[in-house]
Structure formats: C-alpha cells, structure tokens
Amino acid sequence: MPERLHHGTGTAWEARVGYSRAVRAGNWIAVAGTCAIGPDGRAVAPGDGGAQARFVFARIEEALRALGSSLGDVVRTRMYITDLRHAEAVGAAHGELFRAVRPASTMLVVAGLVDPELVVEIEVDALAGE
C-alpha cells in the first residue's frame, strides 16, 4: 500500500467530521469538497459564485502544493453550484486556471450547501510525481 500523506487546514469541520482537506496516496491526490469559508468561519463573498470559486481554487492550490503537486497536475474537477445562474461565473474562474490543463470536469446544480451564503463547492483529483 502506498504511503498516505494528509493535508489539513485546521478548520473546525475537519476535526468534527474526521477528514483531511487533501490526501495523497502514491502519486494520486484527492482534494475534498472545498467551499469559500474564511478564517473567521464565515462565507467569503456571499452569493458571488465567481469570487467564491477563485477563493476555493486558491485553497485547493495551497493543498496541492503542500502535497507536492500543482493545479497543472489536476486531472478531474467537480463543481457543485446551488443555482444555474452561477454556472457562467464559476466556469469562467475554472477556465482562467485550467484552459491549458483541460482536466475532465463536471458541474452540477445541487439543492444547497452547508451555509446558504455558499453557492459553490469544488473538489479535484490530481497526479504528482513519486
């Protein structure tokens, strides 16, 4: 079994629910669903899908780097939005980072997230060198 490395950000959710922001097993990295929650535990840019997506991608990039990877190594993205009207802004934020990388990608409209001010949650899978 490959060595498992965990990266946490210290949020209350990680400790309470029992998960890591990201896990690396061998050269595979999974980044958990990530929302735009600031250090104060409150939603960043309430209701703004584009701003939330950019915040989330920055947190995801930080987790990938901590585990020896980068956004350029992402092979799959999953974006969950609470309303179809956020699709264009969230998609644009994704395109800014992944236009050249072109990971497999999914965007779904969901009934809601853990806080009504959050409108997007994103998870990624990436590969990194051994």
N, C-alpha and C. Protein backbone atom coordinates (compact mmCIF):
# COMPACT_ATOMS: atom_id res chain seq x y z
N MET A 1 0.85 -1.18 0.00
CA MET A 1 0.00 0.00 0.00
C MET A 1 0.89 1.25 0.00
N PRO A 2 0.60 2.21 -0.86
CA PRO A 2 1.43 3.42 -0.90
C PRO A 2 1.26 4.24 0.38
N GLU A 3 2.31 5.00 0.67
CA GLU A 3 2.26 5.89 1.83
C GLU A 3 1.14 6.92 1.65
N ARG A 4 0.42 7.18 2.74
CA ARG A 4 -0.64 8.20 2.73
C ARG A 4 -0.14 9.44 3.44
N LEU A 5 -0.29 10.57 2.77
CA LEU A 5 0.02 11.86 3.37
C LEU A 5 -1.27 12.66 3.45
N HIS A 6 -1.46 13.34 4.55
CA HIS A 6 -2.67 14.13 4.76
C HIS A 6 -2.30 15.61 4.87
N HIS A 7 -3.17 16.46 4.33
CA HIS A 7 -3.01 17.91 4.48
C HIS A 7 -4.31 18.45 5.06
N GLY A 8 -4.21 19.14 6.16
CA GLY A 8 -5.37 19.77 6.78
C GLY A 8 -5.18 21.27 6.85
N THR A 9 -6.28 21.96 6.94
CA THR A 9 -6.23 23.42 7.05
C THR A 9 -6.64 23.90 8.43
N GLY A 10 -6.97 22.95 9.32
CA GLY A 10 -7.30 23.32 10.68
C GLY A 10 -8.72 23.81 10.90
N THR A 11 -9.59 23.63 9.92
CA THR A 11 -10.97 24.09 10.10
C THR A 11 -11.69 23.20 11.11
N ALA A 12 -12.70 23.75 11.73
CA ALA A 12 -13.50 23.00 12.70
C ALA A 12 -14.15 21.79 12.04
N TRP A 13 -14.56 21.93 10.78
CA TRP A 13 -15.22 20.83 10.07
C TRP A 13 -14.31 19.62 9.96
N GLU A 14 -13.03 19.86 9.67
CA GLU A 14 -12.10 18.73 9.50
C GLU A 14 -12.03 17.89 10.78
N ALA A 15 -11.89 18.54 11.91
CA ALA A 15 -11.79 17.82 13.19
C ALA A 15 -13.12 17.17 13.57
N ARG A 16 -14.20 17.91 13.39
CA ARG A 16 -15.52 17.41 13.80
C ARG A 16 -15.99 16.23 12.95
N VAL A 17 -15.78 16.31 11.65
CA VAL A 17 -16.29 15.30 10.74
C VAL A 17 -15.26 14.18 10.52
N GLY A 18 -13.98 14.49 10.74
CA GLY A 18 -12.94 13.48 10.59
C GLY A 18 -12.46 13.31 9.16
N TYR A 19 -12.01 14.40 8.54
CA TYR A 19 -11.48 14.30 7.18
C TYR A 19 -10.31 15.25 7.01
N SER A 20 -9.60 15.11 5.91
CA SER A 20 -8.49 15.99 5.56
C SER A 20 -8.88 16.82 4.36
N ARG A 21 -8.30 18.00 4.25
CA ARG A 21 -8.54 18.82 3.05
C ARG A 21 -8.07 18.07 1.82
N ALA A 22 -6.92 17.38 1.94
CA ALA A 22 -6.41 16.61 0.82
C ALA A 22 -5.63 15.41 1.33
N VAL A 23 -5.61 14.36 0.51
CA VAL A 23 -4.89 13.14 0.83
C VAL A 23 -4.10 12.73 -0.40
N ARG A 24 -2.84 12.37 -0.16
CA ARG A 24 -2.00 11.83 -1.24
C ARG A 24 -1.69 10.38 -0.91
N ALA A 25 -1.94 9.50 -1.86
CA ALA A 25 -1.60 8.09 -1.77
C ALA A 25 -0.82 7.74 -3.02
N GLY A 26 0.47 7.50 -2.88
CA GLY A 26 1.32 7.32 -4.05
C GLY A 26 1.38 8.62 -4.83
N ASN A 27 1.03 8.56 -6.11
CA ASN A 27 1.05 9.81 -6.90
C ASN A 27 -0.35 10.39 -7.11
N TRP A 28 -1.36 9.80 -6.46
CA TRP A 28 -2.74 10.28 -6.59
C TRP A 28 -3.08 11.19 -5.42
N ILE A 29 -3.68 12.35 -5.72
CA ILE A 29 -4.10 13.31 -4.70
C ILE A 29 -5.58 13.60 -4.88
N ALA A 30 -6.32 13.50 -3.80
CA ALA A 30 -7.74 13.86 -3.79
C ALA A 30 -7.90 15.06 -2.87
N VAL A 31 -8.52 16.11 -3.39
CA VAL A 31 -8.82 17.28 -2.57
C VAL A 31 -10.31 17.27 -2.29
N ALA A 32 -10.66 17.32 -1.01
CA ALA A 32 -12.05 17.27 -0.57
C ALA A 32 -12.84 18.45 -1.11
N GLY A 33 -14.16 18.29 -1.12
CA GLY A 33 -15.02 19.40 -1.49
C GLY A 33 -14.66 20.62 -0.65
N THR A 34 -14.41 21.72 -1.34
CA THR A 34 -13.91 22.93 -0.69
C THR A 34 -14.85 24.09 -0.99
N CYS A 35 -15.23 24.80 0.08
CA CYS A 35 -16.11 25.97 -0.05
C CYS A 35 -15.33 27.22 0.34
N ALA A 36 -15.91 28.35 0.05
CA ALA A 36 -15.31 29.65 0.35
C ALA A 36 -15.64 30.08 1.78
N ILE A 37 -14.97 29.43 2.72
CA ILE A 37 -15.15 29.78 4.13
C ILE A 37 -13.85 30.39 4.62
N GLY A 38 -13.92 31.61 5.12
CA GLY A 38 -12.74 32.32 5.58
C GLY A 38 -12.26 31.85 6.93
N PRO A 39 -11.14 32.42 7.40
CA PRO A 39 -10.57 32.04 8.69
C PRO A 39 -11.51 32.30 9.87
N ASP A 40 -12.46 33.20 9.67
CA ASP A 40 -13.42 33.51 10.74
C ASP A 40 -14.60 32.53 10.75
N GLY A 41 -14.58 31.54 9.82
CA GLY A 41 -15.64 30.56 9.76
C GLY A 41 -16.87 31.00 9.00
N ARG A 42 -16.79 32.18 8.39
CA ARG A 42 -17.94 32.72 7.65
C ARG A 42 -17.69 32.64 6.15
N ALA A 43 -18.78 32.67 5.38
CA ALA A 43 -18.70 32.62 3.93
C ALA A 43 -17.98 33.85 3.39
N VAL A 44 -17.11 33.61 2.43
CA VAL A 44 -16.42 34.68 1.71
C VAL A 44 -17.28 35.05 0.50
N ALA A 45 -17.45 36.34 0.24
CA ALA A 45 -18.20 36.82 -0.92
C ALA A 45 -19.57 36.14 -1.03
N PRO A 46 -20.42 36.30 -0.02
CA PRO A 46 -21.72 35.61 -0.03
C PRO A 46 -22.48 35.81 -1.34
N GLY A 47 -22.92 34.70 -1.92
CA GLY A 47 -23.74 34.75 -3.12
C GLY A 47 -23.00 35.00 -4.42
N ASP A 48 -21.69 35.23 -4.40
CA ASP A 48 -20.92 35.56 -5.61
C ASP A 48 -20.16 34.32 -6.07
N GLY A 49 -20.71 33.60 -7.03
CA GLY A 49 -20.11 32.36 -7.50
C GLY A 49 -18.70 32.50 -8.03
N GLY A 50 -18.44 33.54 -8.80
CA GLY A 50 -17.11 33.74 -9.36
C GLY A 50 -16.07 34.00 -8.29
N ALA A 51 -16.37 34.90 -7.36
CA ALA A 51 -15.44 35.22 -6.27
C ALA A 51 -15.22 34.01 -5.37
N GLN A 52 -16.30 33.28 -5.09
CA GLN A 52 -16.14 32.09 -4.26
C GLN A 52 -15.29 31.04 -4.96
N ALA A 53 -15.51 30.84 -6.24
CA ALA A 53 -14.72 29.85 -6.98
C ALA A 53 -13.24 30.22 -6.97
N ARG A 54 -12.91 31.49 -7.16
CA ARG A 54 -11.50 31.91 -7.15
C ARG A 54 -10.87 31.67 -5.77
N PHE A 55 -11.62 31.97 -4.71
CA PHE A 55 -11.14 31.71 -3.35
C PHE A 55 -10.90 30.22 -3.15
N VAL A 56 -11.85 29.41 -3.59
CA VAL A 56 -11.75 27.95 -3.44
C VAL A 56 -10.55 27.41 -4.22
N PHE A 57 -10.36 27.86 -5.45
CA PHE A 57 -9.24 27.36 -6.23
C PHE A 57 -7.90 27.73 -5.58
N ALA A 58 -7.83 28.88 -4.92
CA ALA A 58 -6.60 29.25 -4.20
C ALA A 58 -6.35 28.30 -3.04
N ARG A 59 -7.41 27.91 -2.32
CA ARG A 59 -7.27 26.95 -1.21
C ARG A 59 -6.87 25.58 -1.74
N ILE A 60 -7.44 25.19 -2.86
CA ILE A 60 -7.11 23.91 -3.47
C ILE A 60 -5.65 23.91 -3.92
N GLU A 61 -5.22 25.01 -4.53
CA GLU A 61 -3.82 25.10 -4.97
C GLU A 61 -2.87 24.97 -3.78
N GLU A 62 -3.21 25.61 -2.67
CA GLU A 62 -2.40 25.51 -1.46
C GLU A 62 -2.29 24.06 -0.99
N ALA A 63 -3.40 23.34 -0.99
CA ALA A 63 -3.40 21.93 -0.57
C ALA A 63 -2.56 21.08 -1.51
N LEU A 64 -2.70 21.30 -2.81
CA LEU A 64 -1.92 20.54 -3.78
C LEU A 64 -0.43 20.78 -3.58
N ARG A 65 -0.05 22.02 -3.41
CA ARG A 65 1.38 22.34 -3.22
C ARG A 65 1.92 21.69 -1.96
N ALA A 66 1.12 21.67 -0.91
CA ALA A 66 1.56 21.05 0.35
C ALA A 66 1.85 19.56 0.18
N LEU A 67 1.23 18.96 -0.84
CA LEU A 67 1.42 17.53 -1.09
C LEU A 67 2.26 17.26 -2.34
N GLY A 68 2.99 18.28 -2.81
CA GLY A 68 3.92 18.08 -3.91
C GLY A 68 3.32 18.11 -5.29
N SER A 69 2.22 18.83 -5.47
CA SER A 69 1.55 18.88 -6.75
C SER A 69 1.21 20.33 -7.09
N SER A 70 0.45 20.52 -8.15
CA SER A 70 0.06 21.87 -8.57
C SER A 70 -1.24 21.80 -9.36
N LEU A 71 -1.79 22.95 -9.68
CA LEU A 71 -3.01 22.99 -10.50
C LEU A 71 -2.76 22.38 -11.88
N GLY A 72 -1.54 22.45 -12.36
CA GLY A 72 -1.20 21.86 -13.64
C GLY A 72 -1.26 20.34 -13.66
N ASP A 73 -1.31 19.74 -12.48
CA ASP A 73 -1.37 18.28 -12.36
C ASP A 73 -2.80 17.77 -12.17
N VAL A 74 -3.78 18.67 -12.17
CA VAL A 74 -5.17 18.27 -11.94
C VAL A 74 -5.70 17.51 -13.15
N VAL A 75 -6.34 16.37 -12.87
CA VAL A 75 -6.90 15.55 -13.94
C VAL A 75 -8.43 15.53 -13.91
N ARG A 76 -9.04 15.97 -12.79
CA ARG A 76 -10.50 15.95 -12.67
C ARG A 76 -10.94 17.04 -11.74
N THR A 77 -11.99 17.76 -12.14
CA THR A 77 -12.63 18.74 -11.25
C THR A 77 -14.11 18.45 -11.18
N ARG A 78 -14.68 18.73 -10.00
CA ARG A 78 -16.13 18.62 -9.81
C ARG A 78 -16.58 19.90 -9.13
N MET A 79 -17.52 20.57 -9.75
CA MET A 79 -18.02 21.84 -9.22
C MET A 79 -19.51 21.69 -8.93
N TYR A 80 -19.89 22.02 -7.72
CA TYR A 80 -21.28 21.94 -7.29
C TYR A 80 -21.76 23.37 -7.07
N ILE A 81 -22.80 23.77 -7.77
CA ILE A 81 -23.35 25.11 -7.62
C ILE A 81 -24.80 25.01 -7.16
N THR A 82 -25.25 26.02 -6.45
CA THR A 82 -26.60 25.98 -5.88
C THR A 82 -27.66 26.55 -6.81
N ASP A 83 -27.23 27.20 -7.88
CA ASP A 83 -28.18 27.81 -8.81
C ASP A 83 -27.50 27.91 -10.17
N LEU A 84 -28.23 27.59 -11.22
CA LEU A 84 -27.67 27.62 -12.57
C LEU A 84 -27.13 29.00 -12.94
N ARG A 85 -27.64 30.04 -12.33
CA ARG A 85 -27.16 31.40 -12.67
C ARG A 85 -25.69 31.61 -12.30
N HIS A 86 -25.11 30.74 -11.47
CA HIS A 86 -23.69 30.84 -11.10
C HIS A 86 -22.79 30.10 -12.08
N ALA A 87 -23.35 29.34 -12.99
CA ALA A 87 -22.56 28.49 -13.88
C ALA A 87 -21.55 29.28 -14.71
N GLU A 88 -21.95 30.37 -15.28
CA GLU A 88 -21.05 31.15 -16.14
C GLU A 88 -19.86 31.69 -15.35
N ALA A 89 -20.10 32.28 -14.19
CA ALA A 89 -19.01 32.86 -13.39
C ALA A 89 -18.08 31.79 -12.84
N VAL A 90 -18.64 30.69 -12.38
CA VAL A 90 -17.82 29.60 -11.86
C VAL A 90 -17.03 28.97 -13.00
N GLY A 91 -17.67 28.78 -14.14
CA GLY A 91 -16.98 28.24 -15.30
C GLY A 91 -15.85 29.15 -15.77
N ALA A 92 -16.06 30.45 -15.72
CA ALA A 92 -15.02 31.40 -16.12
C ALA A 92 -13.82 31.31 -15.17
N ALA A 93 -14.07 31.20 -13.88
CA ALA A 93 -12.98 31.07 -12.91
C ALA A 93 -12.21 29.78 -13.17
N HIS A 94 -12.92 28.71 -13.48
CA HIS A 94 -12.28 27.43 -13.82
C HIS A 94 -11.42 27.60 -15.06
N GLY A 95 -11.96 28.25 -16.08
CA GLY A 95 -11.24 28.44 -17.33
C GLY A 95 -9.98 29.26 -17.17
N GLU A 96 -9.99 30.24 -16.27
CA GLU A 96 -8.79 31.05 -16.03
C GLU A 96 -7.61 30.19 -15.61
N LEU A 97 -7.88 29.14 -14.86
CA LEU A 97 -6.81 28.29 -14.33
C LEU A 97 -6.53 27.05 -15.17
N PHE A 98 -7.55 26.54 -15.82
CA PHE A 98 -7.43 25.23 -16.45
C PHE A 98 -7.58 25.22 -17.97
N ARG A 99 -7.60 26.38 -18.60
CA ARG A 99 -7.79 26.43 -20.05
C ARG A 99 -6.75 25.58 -20.77
N ALA A 100 -5.49 25.63 -20.32
CA ALA A 100 -4.44 24.84 -20.96
C ALA A 100 -4.35 23.42 -20.40
N VAL A 101 -4.74 23.23 -19.16
CA VAL A 101 -4.65 21.92 -18.49
C VAL A 101 -5.76 20.98 -18.97
N ARG A 102 -6.94 21.52 -19.09
CA ARG A 102 -8.12 20.82 -19.60
C ARG A 102 -8.42 19.49 -18.89
N PRO A 103 -8.62 19.54 -17.55
CA PRO A 103 -8.98 18.31 -16.85
C PRO A 103 -10.39 17.86 -17.22
N ALA A 104 -10.69 16.60 -16.96
CA ALA A 104 -12.08 16.15 -17.05
C ALA A 104 -12.84 16.95 -16.00
N SER A 105 -14.05 17.38 -16.33
CA SER A 105 -14.73 18.30 -15.43
C SER A 105 -16.23 18.06 -15.42
N THR A 106 -16.81 18.26 -14.25
CA THR A 106 -18.25 18.13 -14.08
C THR A 106 -18.75 19.34 -13.29
N MET A 107 -19.90 19.88 -13.68
CA MET A 107 -20.57 20.92 -12.90
C MET A 107 -22.00 20.46 -12.69
N LEU A 108 -22.41 20.45 -11.43
CA LEU A 108 -23.75 20.02 -11.06
C LEU A 108 -24.47 21.10 -10.28
N VAL A 109 -25.77 21.21 -10.48
CA VAL A 109 -26.60 22.09 -9.65
C VAL A 109 -27.14 21.22 -8.52
N VAL A 110 -26.92 21.69 -7.29
CA VAL A 110 -27.36 20.94 -6.10
C VAL A 110 -28.37 21.78 -5.32
N ALA A 111 -29.08 21.12 -4.43
CA ALA A 111 -30.14 21.79 -3.67
C ALA A 111 -29.59 22.80 -2.68
N GLY A 112 -28.39 22.61 -2.18
CA GLY A 112 -27.83 23.55 -1.22
C GLY A 112 -26.51 23.04 -0.67
N LEU A 113 -25.81 23.93 0.03
CA LEU A 113 -24.55 23.60 0.70
C LEU A 113 -24.72 23.83 2.19
N VAL A 114 -23.65 23.69 2.97
CA VAL A 114 -23.76 23.76 4.43
C VAL A 114 -24.13 25.14 4.97
N ASP A 115 -24.01 26.16 4.16
CA ASP A 115 -24.35 27.53 4.55
C ASP A 115 -25.06 28.16 3.35
N PRO A 116 -26.22 28.78 3.55
CA PRO A 116 -26.95 29.34 2.40
C PRO A 116 -26.20 30.45 1.66
N GLU A 117 -25.17 31.04 2.28
CA GLU A 117 -24.39 32.08 1.60
C GLU A 117 -23.34 31.48 0.67
N LEU A 118 -23.09 30.18 0.81
CA LEU A 118 -22.15 29.48 -0.07
C LEU A 118 -22.90 29.02 -1.31
N VAL A 119 -22.34 29.30 -2.47
CA VAL A 119 -23.02 28.94 -3.71
C VAL A 119 -22.21 27.99 -4.58
N VAL A 120 -20.98 27.67 -4.16
CA VAL A 120 -20.14 26.75 -4.94
C VAL A 120 -19.26 25.92 -4.00
N GLU A 121 -19.11 24.65 -4.34
CA GLU A 121 -18.17 23.76 -3.67
C GLU A 121 -17.42 23.01 -4.78
N ILE A 122 -16.11 22.86 -4.60
CA ILE A 122 -15.28 22.27 -5.66
C ILE A 122 -14.37 21.22 -5.06
N GLU A 123 -14.19 20.12 -5.78
CA GLU A 123 -13.22 19.10 -5.41
C GLU A 123 -12.40 18.75 -6.64
N VAL A 124 -11.18 18.31 -6.42
CA VAL A 124 -10.30 17.94 -7.55
C VAL A 124 -9.53 16.67 -7.24
N ASP A 125 -9.10 16.02 -8.30
CA ASP A 125 -8.16 14.90 -8.24
C ASP A 125 -6.96 15.32 -9.06
N ALA A 126 -5.77 14.99 -8.58
CA ALA A 126 -4.56 15.35 -9.28
C ALA A 126 -3.55 14.21 -9.19
N LEU A 127 -2.57 14.24 -10.06
CA LEU A 127 -1.46 13.30 -10.02
C LEU A 127 -0.18 14.09 -9.78
N ALA A 128 0.75 13.47 -9.09
CA ALA A 128 2.03 14.12 -8.83
C ALA A 128 3.12 13.07 -8.97
N GLY A 129 4.32 13.53 -9.26
CA GLY A 129 5.43 12.59 -9.37
C GLY A 129 5.73 11.92 -8.05
N GLU A 130 6.30 10.74 -8.12
CA GLU A 130 6.61 9.97 -6.89
C GLU A 130 7.66 10.67 -6.08
